Amino acid sequence: MRDAEYGVVCCVRSQAQPDKKGKELKKWREKKTLDLTDALVGSSAAKKTTSLPWTSYPGLFAGGGLDVMTSLLLRRLLPTLDRKAKLKALDYCSGNGVVAAGVQLAAKKTKLTLLDADSIALAAAKKNLPRGESSASFVLSDAWTRVHPSETYDLIVSNPPVHHGLAVDFQPTRALLQSLPDRLRATSGVAYVVTQRYVPFRAIASSVVSSSALIECEHADGRFVVWKCRRAAASGAV
């Protein structure tokens, strides 16, 4: 039922079996194009084709496309990658794979893992990576819960959500930081995280990782900040 302003929707769980082949999900699929031209400037992939066929679904972050914060993260990150490097990388809160796609274009030998709590986003990401689903691993997980404790990475990248609905919520950022030092390889591991300027990233880090991480501001433009994080030596400090 509905009137001029509001509607009431009645939802009933059906008796149908799960759609293992994704036929129902396919009905909602949105075919788009992702243009990474600006994000790849200065990287090894800058002269290559940077417009990708792209899959999204209703409700995904930034409409399933490239938002301004992710673009900033990629512009700061991708020029640092060696196109021949064989990195082990994690895209934490990957969404439908925008950051991972950029990393794969810039350093195609990278072994990627995409982690997200949204199964629909990961379903899209499996179709979006330039080298296909077989070139990466996909982990449906709330924070680190389904990542083996022994797993460490050369590179971790993230644009973590800071809202739960309309309310500000720093818990995803806190969860990321809580295990971040232990997830970075001791000598080579580095993480790049983009946040809005108002997010108390350094304060959150101080409260959950103490002196186990070295965190520096890689770039700030008045609205957004790209943070660079490494595992600290025993005497290091945040």
Protein backbone atom coordinates (compact mmCIF):
# COMPACT_ATOMS: atom_id res chain seq x y z
CA MET A 1 0.00 0.00 0.00
CA ARG A 2 1.14 3.57 -0.54
CA ASP A 3 0.02 7.16 -0.52
CA ALA A 4 1.50 10.29 -2.04
CA GLU A 5 4.48 10.30 0.35
CA TYR A 6 5.07 6.84 1.78
CA GLY A 7 4.80 3.19 0.91
CA VAL A 8 4.60 -0.07 2.87
CA VAL A 9 6.25 -3.12 1.35
CA CYS A 10 5.44 -6.65 2.49
CA CYS A 11 8.33 -9.10 1.98
CA VAL A 12 7.86 -12.84 2.35
CA ARG A 13 10.65 -15.38 2.14
CA SER A 14 9.96 -17.70 -0.76
CA GLN A 15 10.35 -21.47 -0.75
CA ALA A 16 12.50 -21.39 -3.86
CA GLN A 17 15.97 -22.91 -3.70
CA PRO A 18 19.00 -20.58 -3.77
CA ASP A 19 19.86 -19.28 -7.21
CA LYS A 20 23.23 -21.00 -7.54
CA LYS A 21 23.73 -20.00 -11.18
CA GLY A 22 22.96 -16.34 -10.58
CA LYS A 23 20.02 -16.11 -12.97
CA GLU A 24 17.98 -13.92 -10.64
CA LEU A 25 20.93 -11.66 -9.89
CA LYS A 26 21.58 -11.26 -13.61
CA LYS A 27 18.27 -9.44 -13.97
CA TRP A 28 19.66 -6.60 -11.85
CA ARG A 29 23.04 -6.40 -13.57
CA GLU A 30 24.07 -3.00 -14.88
CA LYS A 31 26.56 -2.80 -17.74
CA LYS A 32 28.78 0.27 -17.58
CA THR A 33 32.22 1.52 -18.55
CA LEU A 34 34.93 2.37 -16.04
CA ASP A 35 37.39 5.02 -17.19
CA LEU A 36 40.66 4.90 -15.22
CA THR A 37 42.58 7.28 -17.50
CA ASP A 38 43.10 10.01 -14.89
CA ALA A 39 43.77 7.55 -12.08
CA LEU A 40 46.56 5.85 -14.06
CA VAL A 41 48.51 9.01 -14.94
CA GLY A 42 52.14 8.48 -14.02
CA SER A 43 51.83 4.70 -13.75
CA SER A 44 53.23 2.05 -16.06
CA ALA A 45 49.76 1.50 -17.53
CA ALA A 46 49.14 5.14 -18.44
CA LYS A 47 49.53 4.56 -22.19
CA LYS A 48 47.44 1.42 -22.27
CA THR A 49 43.70 1.06 -22.70
CA THR A 50 42.22 2.38 -19.48
CA SER A 51 38.52 2.15 -20.23
CA LEU A 52 37.07 -1.14 -19.01
CA PRO A 53 33.71 -2.84 -19.47
CA TRP A 54 32.20 -2.72 -16.00
CA THR A 55 29.52 -4.58 -14.06
CA SER A 56 27.53 -3.09 -11.20
CA TYR A 57 24.34 -3.71 -9.27
CA PRO A 58 21.88 -1.32 -7.60
CA GLY A 59 22.99 -0.13 -4.19
CA LEU A 60 26.75 -0.52 -4.59
CA PHE A 61 29.05 2.21 -3.31
CA ALA A 62 29.39 5.22 -5.65
CA GLY A 63 26.95 3.60 -8.04
CA GLY A 64 29.58 0.96 -8.72
CA GLY A 65 31.87 3.49 -10.37
CA LEU A 66 34.97 5.56 -9.63
CA ASP A 67 34.37 8.05 -6.81
CA VAL A 68 36.62 11.02 -6.07
CA MET A 69 38.30 9.41 -3.03
CA THR A 70 39.15 6.18 -4.82
CA SER A 71 40.49 8.21 -7.74
CA LEU A 72 42.79 10.09 -5.37
CA LEU A 73 43.96 6.84 -3.78
CA LEU A 74 44.81 5.36 -7.17
CA ARG A 75 46.63 8.49 -8.36
CA ARG A 76 48.89 8.35 -5.29
CA LEU A 77 49.33 4.58 -5.28
CA LEU A 78 49.69 3.39 -8.86
CA PRO A 79 52.82 5.40 -9.81
CA THR A 80 54.64 3.65 -6.93
CA LEU A 81 54.07 0.19 -8.39
CA ASP A 82 56.64 -1.57 -10.53
CA ARG A 83 54.82 -3.13 -13.48
CA LYS A 84 57.03 -6.24 -13.20
CA ALA A 85 56.66 -6.64 -9.44
CA LYS A 86 55.14 -9.86 -8.14
CA LEU A 87 53.27 -8.41 -5.20
CA LYS A 88 50.83 -10.10 -2.89
CA ALA A 89 48.10 -7.49 -2.43
CA LEU A 90 44.83 -7.15 -0.53
CA ASP A 91 42.01 -4.78 -1.49
CA TYR A 92 40.22 -4.39 1.87
CA CYS A 93 36.57 -3.28 1.50
CA SER A 94 37.00 -3.85 -2.21
CA GLY A 95 33.47 -3.14 -3.40
CA ASN A 96 33.11 -4.22 -7.01
CA GLY A 97 36.84 -4.03 -7.66
CA VAL A 98 37.73 -0.49 -8.78
CA VAL A 99 41.00 -0.29 -6.81
CA ALA A 100 41.91 -3.88 -7.60
CA ALA A 101 41.40 -3.26 -11.32
CA GLY A 102 43.74 -0.27 -11.19
CA VAL A 103 46.41 -2.29 -9.37
CA GLN A 104 46.08 -5.12 -11.85
CA LEU A 105 46.53 -2.75 -14.79
CA ALA A 106 49.61 -1.11 -13.25
CA ALA A 107 51.28 -4.30 -11.99
CA LYS A 108 49.78 -7.25 -13.82
CA LYS A 109 51.81 -9.90 -11.98
CA THR A 110 50.28 -8.92 -8.65
CA LYS A 111 48.52 -11.70 -6.77
CA LEU A 112 45.30 -10.04 -5.64
CA THR A 113 42.83 -10.79 -2.89
CA LEU A 114 39.57 -8.81 -2.72
CA LEU A 115 37.77 -8.69 0.62
CA ASP A 116 34.31 -7.28 1.25
CA ALA A 117 31.28 -7.93 3.45
CA ASP A 118 28.89 -7.50 0.49
CA SER A 119 28.41 -10.65 -1.58
CA ILE A 120 26.79 -8.67 -4.40
CA ALA A 121 29.82 -6.38 -4.67
CA LEU A 122 32.12 -9.39 -4.88
CA ALA A 123 29.90 -10.99 -7.53
CA ALA A 124 30.41 -7.87 -9.64
CA ALA A 125 34.15 -7.77 -8.88
CA LYS A 126 34.58 -11.28 -10.25
CA LYS A 127 33.43 -9.98 -13.62
CA ASN A 128 35.34 -6.71 -13.51
CA LEU A 129 39.02 -7.50 -13.10
CA PRO A 130 40.94 -6.92 -16.34
CA ARG A 131 42.53 -10.36 -16.17
CA GLY A 132 39.38 -12.14 -15.11
CA GLU A 133 38.10 -13.94 -12.03
CA SER A 134 40.87 -16.56 -12.12
CA SER A 135 43.52 -13.86 -11.54
CA ALA A 136 42.40 -13.09 -7.98
CA SER A 137 40.92 -14.52 -4.79
CA PHE A 138 37.64 -13.25 -3.35
CA VAL A 139 36.87 -13.32 0.38
CA LEU A 140 33.40 -12.61 1.74
CA SER A 141 34.23 -11.43 5.24
CA ASP A 142 33.27 -9.00 7.96
CA ALA A 143 36.65 -7.35 8.55
CA TRP A 144 39.45 -9.91 9.03
CA THR A 145 37.27 -12.75 10.33
CA ARG A 146 37.73 -15.04 7.31
CA VAL A 147 41.37 -14.22 6.59
CA HIS A 148 43.78 -16.82 7.94
CA PRO A 149 45.88 -15.40 10.80
CA SER A 150 49.12 -16.27 8.99
CA GLU A 151 48.30 -14.30 5.83
CA THR A 152 50.51 -11.25 5.22
CA TYR A 153 50.77 -8.90 2.25
CA ASP A 154 53.22 -6.67 0.43
CA LEU A 155 50.43 -4.20 -0.27
CA ILE A 156 47.08 -3.44 1.37
CA VAL A 157 44.79 -0.79 -0.09
CA SER A 158 41.49 0.45 1.26
CA ASN A 159 38.80 3.09 1.00
CA PRO A 160 36.89 1.98 4.13
CA PRO A 161 33.27 3.08 4.66
CA VAL A 162 32.69 5.63 7.41
CA HIS A 163 28.87 5.61 7.46
CA HIS A 164 26.28 3.08 8.54
CA GLY A 165 23.25 4.43 6.75
CA LEU A 166 23.34 8.15 7.50
CA ALA A 167 25.18 7.80 10.81
CA VAL A 168 28.95 8.24 11.04
CA ASP A 169 30.58 4.92 11.93
CA PHE A 170 34.34 4.49 12.31
CA GLN A 171 34.14 0.80 13.25
CA PRO A 172 35.25 -0.46 9.78
CA THR A 173 38.31 1.80 9.98
CA ARG A 174 39.01 0.64 13.53
CA ALA A 175 38.73 -3.02 12.48
CA LEU A 176 41.07 -2.43 9.55
CA LEU A 177 43.71 -0.79 11.74
CA GLN A 178 43.44 -3.28 14.57
CA SER A 179 45.12 -6.06 12.59
CA LEU A 180 46.87 -4.01 9.92
CA PRO A 181 50.46 -4.19 11.31
CA ASP A 182 50.28 -7.98 11.64
CA ARG A 183 49.00 -8.29 8.07
CA LEU A 184 51.88 -6.35 6.52
CA ARG A 185 55.08 -8.17 5.66
CA ALA A 186 57.77 -7.09 8.08
CA THR A 187 60.23 -5.47 5.67
CA SER A 188 58.29 -4.79 2.49
CA GLY A 189 54.67 -4.40 3.56
CA VAL A 190 52.91 -1.09 3.00
CA ALA A 191 49.28 -0.01 3.20
CA TYR A 192 47.55 2.95 1.55
CA VAL A 193 44.23 4.08 3.04
CA VAL A 194 42.13 7.03 1.89
CA THR A 195 39.78 8.84 4.27
CA GLN A 196 37.84 12.05 4.50
CA ARG A 197 39.69 14.84 6.28
CA TYR A 198 37.46 14.75 9.37
CA VAL A 199 38.10 11.05 10.09
CA PRO A 200 40.41 10.83 13.16
CA PHE A 201 42.54 8.18 11.49
CA ARG A 202 45.73 8.76 13.45
CA ALA A 203 43.84 8.88 16.76
CA ILE A 204 42.03 5.63 15.98
CA ALA A 205 45.36 4.05 15.04
CA SER A 206 46.93 5.19 18.30
CA SER A 207 44.11 3.61 20.29
CA VAL A 208 44.20 0.20 18.59
CA VAL A 209 47.75 -0.44 17.34
CA SER A 210 49.87 1.70 19.69
CA SER A 211 53.50 1.62 18.55
CA SER A 212 53.19 -1.36 16.18
CA ALA A 213 52.57 0.79 13.10
CA LEU A 214 54.23 3.76 11.47
CA ILE A 215 51.58 6.01 9.93
CA GLU A 216 52.25 9.07 7.82
CA CYS A 217 50.16 11.43 5.76
CA GLU A 218 51.06 10.66 2.15
CA HIS A 219 48.82 13.38 0.69
CA ALA A 220 46.14 15.80 1.85
CA ASP A 221 44.11 18.21 -0.26
CA GLY A 222 41.81 19.84 2.29
CA ARG A 223 39.02 17.32 1.80
CA PHE A 224 40.69 13.93 1.72
CA VAL A 225 43.81 12.28 3.11
CA VAL A 226 45.84 9.36 1.80
CA TRP A 227 47.60 7.58 4.65
CA LYS A 228 50.69 5.39 4.25
CA CYS A 229 51.17 2.70 6.89
CA ARG A 230 54.02 0.30 7.62
CA ARG A 231 54.85 -2.15 10.35
CA ALA A 232 57.02 -0.46 12.94
CA ALA A 233 60.20 -1.75 14.53
CA ALA A 234 59.97 -2.58 18.21
CA SER A 235 60.92 0.96 19.16
CA GLY A 236 58.69 2.67 16.59
CA ALA A 237 55.74 4.92 17.36
CA VAL A 238 52.56 5.99 15.60
